[in-house]
Protein backbone atom coordinates (compact mmCIF):
# COMPACT_ATOMS: atom_id res chain seq x y z
CA MET A 1 -83.82 37.48 110.07
CA SER A 2 -82.00 40.02 112.16
CA ILE A 3 -83.20 43.55 112.80
CA SER A 4 -80.53 46.24 112.45
CA TYR A 5 -79.44 48.17 115.51
CA LYS A 6 -80.87 51.43 114.15
CA ASN A 7 -84.29 49.86 113.52
CA ARG A 8 -84.30 48.21 116.94
CA ARG A 9 -83.68 51.64 118.52
CA ARG A 10 -86.58 53.12 116.57
CA ILE A 11 -88.91 50.24 117.44
CA SER A 12 -87.95 50.37 121.12
CA LEU A 13 -88.62 54.11 121.24
CA LEU A 14 -92.00 53.61 119.59
CA LEU A 15 -92.85 50.82 122.04
CA LEU A 16 -91.90 52.95 125.05
CA LEU A 17 -93.63 56.14 123.91
CA VAL A 18 -96.79 54.66 122.37
CA GLY A 19 -97.11 50.99 123.29
CA LEU A 20 -96.38 51.21 127.01
CA PRO A 21 -98.92 53.96 127.78
CA MET A 22 -101.55 52.06 125.79
CA TYR A 23 -100.71 48.88 127.70
CA ILE A 24 -100.95 50.71 131.04
CA ILE A 25 -104.40 52.06 130.14
CA LEU A 26 -105.49 48.58 129.07
CA ALA A 27 -104.14 47.00 132.28
CA VAL A 28 -105.86 49.56 134.54
CA ASN A 29 -109.16 49.12 132.70
CA LEU A 30 -108.82 45.34 132.91
CA VAL A 31 -108.23 45.40 136.67
CA SER A 32 -111.08 47.89 137.20
CA LEU A 33 -113.56 45.43 135.68
CA PHE A 34 -113.36 43.40 138.89
CA GLU A 35 -113.97 44.39 142.49
CA ARG A 36 -110.93 46.29 143.76
CA PRO A 37 -108.57 43.91 145.59
CA SER A 38 -106.31 44.85 148.49
CA ILE A 39 -103.33 47.07 147.76
CA PHE A 40 -100.87 44.16 147.99
CA VAL A 41 -102.84 41.99 145.54
CA GLU A 42 -103.27 44.94 143.19
CA LEU A 43 -99.51 45.60 143.32
CA VAL A 44 -98.78 41.95 142.49
CA ILE A 45 -101.24 42.09 139.56
CA TYR A 46 -99.61 45.22 138.11
CA LEU A 47 -96.10 43.81 138.60
CA GLY A 48 -97.14 40.61 136.85
CA LEU A 49 -98.70 42.53 133.96
CA GLY A 50 -95.53 44.63 133.68
CA ILE A 51 -93.34 41.54 133.45
CA ILE A 52 -95.68 39.92 130.93
CA TRP A 53 -95.44 43.06 128.77
CA ALA A 54 -91.64 43.07 128.76
CA PHE A 55 -90.91 39.46 127.76
CA PRO A 56 -92.17 39.50 124.14
CA PHE A 57 -90.00 42.55 123.38
CA LYS A 58 -86.85 41.41 125.18
CA PHE A 59 -84.98 40.83 121.90
CA ILE A 60 -85.69 44.41 120.77
CA PHE A 61 -84.52 46.09 123.98
CA LYS A 62 -81.42 43.92 124.43
CA GLY A 63 -78.25 45.99 123.86
CA ILE A 64 -80.04 49.26 123.02
CA GLY A 65 -78.06 51.20 125.64
CA GLN A 66 -74.74 50.09 124.14
CA ALA A 67 -72.82 51.76 121.33
CA ASP A 68 -73.82 50.82 117.79
CA PRO A 69 -71.90 47.62 116.98
CA ASP A 70 -72.14 48.27 113.23
CA HIS A 71 -70.77 51.83 113.42
CA LYS A 72 -67.21 52.07 112.14
CA GLU A 73 -65.06 55.12 112.65
């Protein structure tokens, strides 16, 4: 089942405005449960968590910046 371009744009906006801030709060709280590592290790942890967040939604964000392929003039 394919999601229409318009719905993918709406879902991606919702993910960026609501989902990403919630994920950031969750990631910071998760890292703060342990003793604070060095800055480099902490940076690697946050980069890894950022990449992990992006992969499940790759199909939604793919092509969102392009013109609507279904729009006919």
